[in-house]
């Protein structure tokens, strides 16, 4: 499995990928964009059904997860020539409150700055 994943990691790095979206986990997670994550923000979304009731906040830092939320949601993704903004929207069309690795609470992730080419 790791070899298959390495193929994509190299491809993402060569192509200048800034964000990767994936699904399945029964909550919302967003990684930091750091050397440990290949400079990529990894977004896991999948809380349309049953939520995971276990609190994973204690493991966020070790997993490089910047923000987490056990909430039903969809993602509002806004893109312009300079940046990409990701906002989880919950029930009642309100921003989802996310728990950060430091224990804080936020309703908006940091912008993902794009290169001059717009990628």
Foldseek 3Di string as FASTA:
>chain_A
DVVVVVVVLVVCLVVVAAEDEEEDAQWWWWADQDVVVSSHIYIYDYNQDDFDPDDPLQCCVVVRTFWIGRAHWDWDWDADQFWIWIFTAHPPRHQGWIAGNVGDTDRTDDTRTDDNVSD
